[in-house]
Amino acid sequence: MTKLTIPQFRNLKNKRKIAMVTCYDFSMARILANTDIDSILIGDSLGMVIKGENDTLNVEIDELIYHTKAVKKELLINK
């Protein structure tokens, strides 16, 4: 996975599709780090996917930070 900057993302607009995958943990980040995707998204959908909630309303910012740190840890190891 090549690191793209924000200006590079902007330059891709209307030039090609951007591949983005949602990821919430270290193990999946390890798999995704070896692909050609452009970006990893860590979002509040973890409420439904990870926590089994009916919606995203009960996701706290601390939970998003926790999952972001887990994904980031793998991406820093694999750079």
PDB file of N, CA and C in Angstrom:
ATOM      1  N   MET A   1       0.852  -1.167   0.000  1.00  0.00           N
ATOM      2  CA  MET A   1       0.000   0.000   0.000  1.00  0.00           C
ATOM      3  C   MET A   1       0.901   1.235   0.000  1.00  0.00           C
ATOM      4  N   THR A   2       0.740   2.085  -0.974  1.00  0.00           N
ATOM      5  CA  THR A   2       1.515   3.308  -1.084  1.00  0.00           C
ATOM      6  C   THR A   2       0.799   4.428  -0.354  1.00  0.00           C
ATOM      7  N   LYS A   3       1.532   5.191   0.427  1.00  0.00           N
ATOM      8  CA  LYS A   3       0.932   6.293   1.166  1.00  0.00           C
ATOM      9  C   LYS A   3       0.649   7.449   0.219  1.00  0.00           C
ATOM     10  N   LEU A   4      -0.614   7.892   0.195  1.00  0.00           N
ATOM     11  CA  LEU A   4      -1.012   9.043  -0.608  1.00  0.00           C
ATOM     12  C   LEU A   4      -1.247  10.233   0.306  1.00  0.00           C
ATOM     13  N   THR A   5      -0.843  11.392  -0.133  1.00  0.00           N
ATOM     14  CA  THR A   5      -1.091  12.615   0.621  1.00  0.00           C
ATOM     15  C   THR A   5      -2.460  13.168   0.248  1.00  0.00           C
ATOM     16  N   ILE A   6      -2.947  14.117   1.035  1.00  0.00           N
ATOM     17  CA  ILE A   6      -4.236  14.743   0.734  1.00  0.00           C
ATOM     18  C   ILE A   6      -4.212  15.415  -0.637  1.00  0.00           C
ATOM     19  N   PRO A   7      -3.170  16.183  -0.978  1.00  0.00           N
ATOM     20  CA  PRO A   7      -3.134  16.756  -2.332  1.00  0.00           C
ATOM     21  C   PRO A   7      -3.153  15.692  -3.435  1.00  0.00           C
ATOM     22  N   GLN A   8      -2.508  14.561  -3.207  1.00  0.00           N
ATOM     23  CA  GLN A   8      -2.538  13.492  -4.208  1.00  0.00           C
ATOM     24  C   GLN A   8      -3.945  12.927  -4.365  1.00  0.00           C
ATOM     25  N   PHE A   9      -4.667  12.784  -3.252  1.00  0.00           N
ATOM     26  CA  PHE A   9      -6.056  12.343  -3.331  1.00  0.00           C
ATOM     27  C   PHE A   9      -6.888  13.340  -4.135  1.00  0.00           C
ATOM     28  N   ARG A  10      -6.703  14.608  -3.862  1.00  0.00           N
ATOM     29  CA  ARG A  10      -7.450  15.635  -4.600  1.00  0.00           C
ATOM     30  C   ARG A  10      -7.149  15.564  -6.091  1.00  0.00           C
ATOM     31  N   ASN A  11      -5.900  15.320  -6.441  1.00  0.00           N
ATOM     32  CA  ASN A  11      -5.516  15.243  -7.850  1.00  0.00           C
ATOM     33  C   ASN A  11      -6.115  14.033  -8.556  1.00  0.00           C
ATOM     34  N   LEU A  12      -6.492  13.016  -7.791  1.00  0.00           N
ATOM     35  CA  LEU A  12      -7.101  11.827  -8.393  1.00  0.00           C
ATOM     36  C   LEU A  12      -8.563  12.049  -8.767  1.00  0.00           C
ATOM     37  N   LYS A  13      -9.165  13.089  -8.213  1.00  0.00           N
ATOM     38  CA  LYS A  13     -10.583  13.348  -8.461  1.00  0.00           C
ATOM     39  C   LYS A  13     -10.829  13.471  -9.966  1.00  0.00           C
ATOM     40  N   ASN A  14     -11.810  12.728 -10.429  1.00  0.00           N
ATOM     41  CA  ASN A  14     -12.217  12.688 -11.838  1.00  0.00           C
ATOM     42  C   ASN A  14     -11.160  12.102 -12.767  1.00  0.00           C
ATOM     43  N   LYS A  15     -10.088  11.534 -12.225  1.00  0.00           N
ATOM     44  CA  LYS A  15      -9.067  10.893 -13.062  1.00  0.00           C
ATOM     45  C   LYS A  15      -9.170   9.376 -13.004  1.00  0.00           C
ATOM     46  N   ARG A  16      -9.413   8.865 -11.799  1.00  0.00           N
ATOM     47  CA  ARG A  16      -9.596   7.421 -11.632  1.00  0.00           C
ATOM     48  C   ARG A  16     -10.341   7.159 -10.335  1.00  0.00           C
ATOM     49  N   LYS A  17     -10.848   5.963 -10.212  1.00  0.00           N
ATOM     50  CA  LYS A  17     -11.540   5.587  -8.994  1.00  0.00           C
ATOM     51  C   LYS A  17     -10.517   5.355  -7.881  1.00  0.00           C
ATOM     52  N   ILE A  18     -10.920   5.642  -6.668  1.00  0.00           N
ATOM     53  CA  ILE A  18     -10.072   5.427  -5.498  1.00  0.00           C
ATOM     54  C   ILE A  18     -10.563   4.176  -4.787  1.00  0.00           C
ATOM     55  N   ALA A  19      -9.650   3.265  -4.492  1.00  0.00           N
ATOM     56  CA  ALA A  19     -10.003   2.046  -3.764  1.00  0.00           C
ATOM     57  C   ALA A  19      -9.851   2.297  -2.270  1.00  0.00           C
ATOM     58  N   MET A  20     -10.955   2.150  -1.527  1.00  0.00           N
ATOM     59  CA  MET A  20     -10.945   2.380  -0.092  1.00  0.00           C
ATOM     60  C   MET A  20     -11.675   1.223   0.582  1.00  0.00           C
ATOM     61  N   VAL A  21     -11.090   0.704   1.656  1.00  0.00           N
ATOM     62  CA  VAL A  21     -11.663  -0.423   2.383  1.00  0.00           C
ATOM     63  C   VAL A  21     -11.773  -0.047   3.856  1.00  0.00           C
ATOM     64  N   THR A  22     -12.852  -0.496   4.489  1.00  0.00           N
ATOM     65  CA  THR A  22     -13.022  -0.255   5.915  1.00  0.00           C
ATOM     66  C   THR A  22     -12.278  -1.334   6.694  1.00  0.00           C
ATOM     67  N   CYS A  23     -11.603  -0.909   7.740  1.00  0.00           N
ATOM     68  CA  CYS A  23     -10.794  -1.819   8.554  1.00  0.00           C
ATOM     69  C   CYS A  23     -10.865  -1.359  10.000  1.00  0.00           C
ATOM     70  N   TYR A  24     -10.895  -2.312  10.929  1.00  0.00           N
ATOM     71  CA  TYR A  24     -11.016  -1.958  12.336  1.00  0.00           C
ATOM     72  C   TYR A  24      -9.950  -2.569  13.228  1.00  0.00           C
ATOM     73  N   ASP A  25      -9.084  -3.436  12.696  1.00  0.00           N
ATOM     74  CA  ASP A  25      -8.148  -4.109  13.585  1.00  0.00           C
ATOM     75  C   ASP A  25      -6.798  -4.383  12.923  1.00  0.00           C
ATOM     76  N   PHE A  26      -5.864  -4.759  13.766  1.00  0.00           N
ATOM     77  CA  PHE A  26      -4.491  -5.021  13.365  1.00  0.00           C
ATOM     78  C   PHE A  26      -4.401  -6.136  12.316  1.00  0.00           C
ATOM     79  N   SER A  27      -5.126  -7.227  12.535  1.00  0.00           N
ATOM     80  CA  SER A  27      -5.044  -8.389  11.637  1.00  0.00           C
ATOM     81  C   SER A  27      -5.493  -8.050  10.217  1.00  0.00           C
ATOM     82  N   MET A  28      -6.607  -7.366  10.091  1.00  0.00           N
ATOM     83  CA  MET A  28      -7.086  -6.991   8.762  1.00  0.00           C
ATOM     84  C   MET A  28      -6.167  -5.947   8.141  1.00  0.00           C
ATOM     85  N   ALA A  29      -5.644  -5.040   8.950  1.00  0.00           N
ATOM     86  CA  ALA A  29      -4.711  -4.037   8.431  1.00  0.00           C
ATOM     87  C   ALA A  29      -3.467  -4.708   7.864  1.00  0.00           C
ATOM     88  N   ARG A  30      -3.025  -5.774   8.496  1.00  0.00           N
ATOM     89  CA  ARG A  30      -1.861  -6.515   8.000  1.00  0.00           C
ATOM     90  C   ARG A  30      -2.145  -7.076   6.610  1.00  0.00           C
ATOM     91  N   ILE A  31      -3.332  -7.603   6.405  1.00  0.00           N
ATOM     92  CA  ILE A  31      -3.708  -8.137   5.090  1.00  0.00           C
ATOM     93  C   ILE A  31      -3.794  -7.004   4.074  1.00  0.00           C
ATOM     94  N   LEU A  32      -4.467  -5.921   4.451  1.00  0.00           N
ATOM     95  CA  LEU A  32      -4.678  -4.805   3.527  1.00  0.00           C
ATOM     96  C   LEU A  32      -3.384  -4.069   3.186  1.00  0.00           C
ATOM     97  N   ALA A  33      -2.422  -4.104   4.068  1.00  0.00           N
ATOM     98  CA  ALA A  33      -1.149  -3.412   3.826  1.00  0.00           C
ATOM     99  C   ALA A  33      -0.414  -3.989   2.621  1.00  0.00           C
ATOM    100  N   ASN A  34      -0.741  -5.194   2.258  1.00  0.00           N
ATOM    101  CA  ASN A  34      -0.080  -5.856   1.126  1.00  0.00           C
ATOM    102  C   ASN A  34      -0.932  -5.846  -0.133  1.00  0.00           C
ATOM    103  N   THR A  35      -1.841  -4.897  -0.226  1.00  0.00           N
ATOM    104  CA  THR A  35      -2.702  -4.782  -1.400  1.00  0.00           C
ATOM    105  C   THR A  35      -2.453  -3.449  -2.095  1.00  0.00           C
ATOM    106  N   ASP A  36      -3.159  -3.229  -3.187  1.00  0.00           N
ATOM    107  CA  ASP A  36      -3.025  -1.986  -3.943  1.00  0.00           C
ATOM    108  C   ASP A  36      -4.103  -0.963  -3.617  1.00  0.00           C
ATOM    109  N   ILE A  37      -4.809  -1.134  -2.496  1.00  0.00           N
ATOM    110  CA  ILE A  37      -5.839  -0.154  -2.159  1.00  0.00           C
ATOM    111  C   ILE A  37      -5.193   1.194  -1.855  1.00  0.00           C
ATOM    112  N   ASP A  38      -5.959   2.251  -2.052  1.00  0.00           N
ATOM    113  CA  ASP A  38      -5.441   3.603  -1.855  1.00  0.00           C
ATOM    114  C   ASP A  38      -5.598   4.105  -0.430  1.00  0.00           C
ATOM    115  N   SER A  39      -6.605   3.618   0.283  1.00  0.00           N
ATOM    116  CA  SER A  39      -6.892   4.174   1.595  1.00  0.00           C
ATOM    117  C   SER A  39      -7.637   3.170   2.462  1.00  0.00           C
ATOM    118  N   ILE A  40      -7.419   3.300   3.761  1.00  0.00           N
ATOM    119  CA  ILE A  40      -8.163   2.513   4.745  1.00  0.00           C
ATOM    120  C   ILE A  40      -9.055   3.468   5.510  1.00  0.00           C
ATOM    121  N   LEU A  41     -10.310   3.106   5.664  1.00  0.00           N
ATOM    122  CA  LEU A  41     -11.287   3.899   6.390  1.00  0.00           C
ATOM    123  C   LEU A  41     -11.581   3.220   7.724  1.00  0.00           C
ATOM    124  N   ILE A  42     -11.534   3.968   8.796  1.00  0.00           N
ATOM    125  CA  ILE A  42     -11.939   3.469  10.103  1.00  0.00           C
ATOM    126  C   ILE A  42     -13.100   4.357  10.527  1.00  0.00           C
ATOM    127  N   GLY A  43     -14.299   3.793  10.541  1.00  0.00           N
ATOM    128  CA  GLY A  43     -15.468   4.621  10.775  1.00  0.00           C
ATOM    129  C   GLY A  43     -16.388   4.101  11.852  1.00  0.00           C
ATOM    130  N   ASP A  44     -17.469   4.843  12.066  1.00  0.00           N
ATOM    131  CA  ASP A  44     -18.410   4.492  13.116  1.00  0.00           C
ATOM    132  C   ASP A  44     -19.250   3.255  12.804  1.00  0.00           C
ATOM    133  N   SER A  45     -19.108   2.725  11.595  1.00  0.00           N
ATOM    134  CA  SER A  45     -19.812   1.474  11.293  1.00  0.00           C
ATOM    135  C   SER A  45     -19.289   0.327  12.156  1.00  0.00           C
ATOM    136  N   LEU A  46     -18.188   0.540  12.869  1.00  0.00           N
ATOM    137  CA  LEU A  46     -17.702  -0.480  13.784  1.00  0.00           C
ATOM    138  C   LEU A  46     -18.749  -0.782  14.853  1.00  0.00           C
ATOM    139  N   GLY A  47     -19.659   0.144  15.087  1.00  0.00           N
ATOM    140  CA  GLY A  47     -20.745  -0.116  16.021  1.00  0.00           C
ATOM    141  C   GLY A  47     -21.561  -1.330  15.622  1.00  0.00           C
ATOM    142  N   MET A  48     -21.835  -1.457  14.342  1.00  0.00           N
ATOM    143  CA  MET A  48     -22.616  -2.594  13.852  1.00  0.00           C
ATOM    144  C   MET A  48     -21.729  -3.794  13.552  1.00  0.00           C
ATOM    145  N   VAL A  49     -20.565  -3.553  12.967  1.00  0.00           N
ATOM    146  CA  VAL A  49     -19.697  -4.642  12.515  1.00  0.00           C
ATOM    147  C   VAL A  49     -18.975  -5.319  13.675  1.00  0.00           C
ATOM    148  N   ILE A  50     -18.452  -4.538  14.593  1.00  0.00           N
ATOM    149  CA  ILE A  50     -17.652  -5.076  15.689  1.00  0.00           C
ATOM    150  C   ILE A  50     -18.481  -5.257  16.968  1.00  0.00           C
ATOM    151  N   LYS A  51     -19.288  -4.256  17.308  1.00  0.00           N
ATOM    152  CA  LYS A  51     -20.021  -4.278  18.567  1.00  0.00           C
ATOM    153  C   LYS A  51     -21.386  -4.944  18.476  1.00  0.00           C
ATOM    154  N   GLY A  52     -21.895  -5.180  17.278  1.00  0.00           N
ATOM    155  CA  GLY A  52     -23.195  -5.820  17.116  1.00  0.00           C
ATOM    156  C   GLY A  52     -24.379  -4.921  17.405  1.00  0.00           C
ATOM    157  N   GLU A  53     -24.173  -3.617  17.339  1.00  0.00           N
ATOM    158  CA  GLU A  53     -25.257  -2.661  17.575  1.00  0.00           C
ATOM    159  C   GLU A  53     -26.177  -2.598  16.351  1.00  0.00           C
ATOM    160  N   ASN A  54     -27.345  -2.018  16.520  1.00  0.00           N
ATOM    161  CA  ASN A  54     -28.287  -1.852  15.417  1.00  0.00           C
ATOM    162  C   ASN A  54     -27.975  -0.632  14.564  1.00  0.00           C
ATOM    163  N   ASP A  55     -27.184   0.281  15.111  1.00  0.00           N
ATOM    164  CA  ASP A  55     -26.834   1.501  14.390  1.00  0.00           C
ATOM    165  C   ASP A  55     -25.484   2.011  14.905  1.00  0.00           C
ATOM    166  N   THR A  56     -25.102   3.186  14.468  1.00  0.00           N
ATOM    167  CA  THR A  56     -23.802   3.743  14.842  1.00  0.00           C
ATOM    168  C   THR A  56     -23.889   4.747  15.989  1.00  0.00           C
ATOM    169  N   LEU A  57     -25.070   4.941  16.526  1.00  0.00           N
ATOM    170  CA  LEU A  57     -25.284   6.000  17.514  1.00  0.00           C
ATOM    171  C   LEU A  57     -24.539   5.788  18.827  1.00  0.00           C
ATOM    172  N   ASN A  58     -24.206   4.553  19.169  1.00  0.00           N
ATOM    173  CA  ASN A  58     -23.541   4.265  20.437  1.00  0.00           C
ATOM    174  C   ASN A  58     -22.026   4.176  20.332  1.00  0.00           C
ATOM    175  N   VAL A  59     -21.463   4.567  19.219  1.00  0.00           N
ATOM    176  CA  VAL A  59     -20.009   4.527  19.053  1.00  0.00           C
ATOM    177  C   VAL A  59     -19.414   5.800  19.654  1.00  0.00           C
ATOM    178  N   GLU A  60     -18.505   5.618  20.573  1.00  0.00           N
ATOM    179  CA  GLU A  60     -17.841   6.735  21.254  1.00  0.00           C
ATOM    180  C   GLU A  60     -16.532   7.066  20.540  1.00  0.00           C
ATOM    181  N   ILE A  61     -16.092   8.287  20.649  1.00  0.00           N
ATOM    182  CA  ILE A  61     -14.847   8.717  20.016  1.00  0.00           C
ATOM    183  C   ILE A  61     -13.668   7.886  20.524  1.00  0.00           C
ATOM    184  N   ASP A  62     -13.693   7.500  21.799  1.00  0.00           N
ATOM    185  CA  ASP A  62     -12.606   6.681  22.342  1.00  0.00           C
ATOM    186  C   ASP A  62     -12.505   5.329  21.637  1.00  0.00           C
ATOM    187  N   GLU A  63     -13.638   4.789  21.203  1.00  0.00           N
ATOM    188  CA  GLU A  63     -13.620   3.525  20.464  1.00  0.00           C
ATOM    189  C   GLU A  63     -13.006   3.718  19.081  1.00  0.00           C
ATOM    190  N   LEU A  64     -13.337   4.814  18.437  1.00  0.00           N
ATOM    191  CA  LEU A  64     -12.736   5.100  17.131  1.00  0.00           C
ATOM    192  C   LEU A  64     -11.228   5.293  17.269  1.00  0.00           C
ATOM    193  N   ILE A  65     -10.804   5.958  18.319  1.00  0.00           N
ATOM    194  CA  ILE A  65      -9.369   6.154  18.556  1.00  0.00           C
ATOM    195  C   ILE A  65      -8.687   4.815  18.782  1.00  0.00           C
ATOM    196  N   TYR A  66      -9.281   3.957  19.584  1.00  0.00           N
ATOM    197  CA  TYR A  66      -8.724   2.627  19.860  1.00  0.00           C
ATOM    198  C   TYR A  66      -8.520   1.832  18.572  1.00  0.00           C
ATOM    199  N   HIS A  67      -9.532   1.777  17.734  1.00  0.00           N
ATOM    200  CA  HIS A  67      -9.438   1.001  16.491  1.00  0.00           C
ATOM    201  C   HIS A  67      -8.473   1.650  15.504  1.00  0.00           C
ATOM    202  N   THR A  68      -8.444   2.965  15.478  1.00  0.00           N
ATOM    203  CA  THR A  68      -7.504   3.661  14.602  1.00  0.00           C
ATOM    204  C   THR A  68      -6.072   3.353  15.010  1.00  0.00           C
ATOM    205  N   LYS A  69      -5.797   3.332  16.300  1.00  0.00           N
ATOM    206  CA  LYS A  69      -4.447   3.004  16.779  1.00  0.00           C
ATOM    207  C   LYS A  69      -4.050   1.586  16.390  1.00  0.00           C
ATOM    208  N   ALA A  70      -4.986   0.646  16.460  1.00  0.00           N
ATOM    209  CA  ALA A  70      -4.682  -0.744  16.096  1.00  0.00           C
ATOM    210  C   ALA A  70      -4.327  -0.853  14.622  1.00  0.00           C
ATOM    211  N   VAL A  71      -5.076  -0.167  13.762  1.00  0.00           N
ATOM    212  CA  VAL A  71      -4.798  -0.190  12.324  1.00  0.00           C
ATOM    213  C   VAL A  71      -3.487   0.532  12.033  1.00  0.00           C
ATOM    214  N   LYS A  72      -3.307   1.680  12.651  1.00  0.00           N
ATOM    215  CA  LYS A  72      -2.090   2.475  12.429  1.00  0.00           C
ATOM    216  C   LYS A  72      -0.844   1.701  12.834  1.00  0.00           C
ATOM    217  N   LYS A  73      -0.931   0.944  13.915  1.00  0.00           N
ATOM    218  CA  LYS A  73       0.220   0.175  14.391  1.00  0.00           C
ATOM    219  C   LYS A  73       0.727  -0.762  13.295  1.00  0.00           C
ATOM    220  N   GLU A  74      -0.173  -1.450  12.635  1.00  0.00           N
ATOM    221  CA  GLU A  74       0.239  -2.351  11.549  1.00  0.00           C
ATOM    222  C   GLU A  74       0.811  -1.553  10.381  1.00  0.00           C
ATOM    223  N   LEU A  75       0.199  -0.476  10.036  1.00  0.00           N
ATOM    224  CA  LEU A  75       0.670   0.292   8.887  1.00  0.00           C
ATOM    225  C   LEU A  75       2.050   0.889   9.144  1.00  0.00           C
ATOM    226  N   LEU A  76       2.361   1.228  10.380  1.00  0.00           N
ATOM    227  CA  LEU A  76       3.692   1.731  10.705  1.00  0.00           C
ATOM    228  C   LEU A  76       4.733   0.624  10.652  1.00  0.00           C
ATOM    229  N   ILE A  77       4.347  -0.589  11.076  1.00  0.00           N
ATOM    230  CA  ILE A  77       5.245  -1.734  11.027  1.00  0.00           C
ATOM    231  C   ILE A  77       5.559  -2.108   9.579  1.00  0.00           C
ATOM    232  N   ASN A  78       4.550  -2.013   8.733  1.00  0.00           N
ATOM    233  CA  ASN A  78       4.642  -2.530   7.370  1.00  0.00           C
ATOM    234  C   ASN A  78       5.053  -1.472   6.348  1.00  0.00           C
ATOM    235  N   LYS A  79       5.530  -0.325   6.752  1.00  0.00           N
ATOM    236  CA  LYS A  79       5.857   0.711   5.754  1.00  0.00           C
ATOM    237  C   LYS A  79       7.217   0.558   5.149  1.00  0.00           C
TER     238      LYS A  79
END
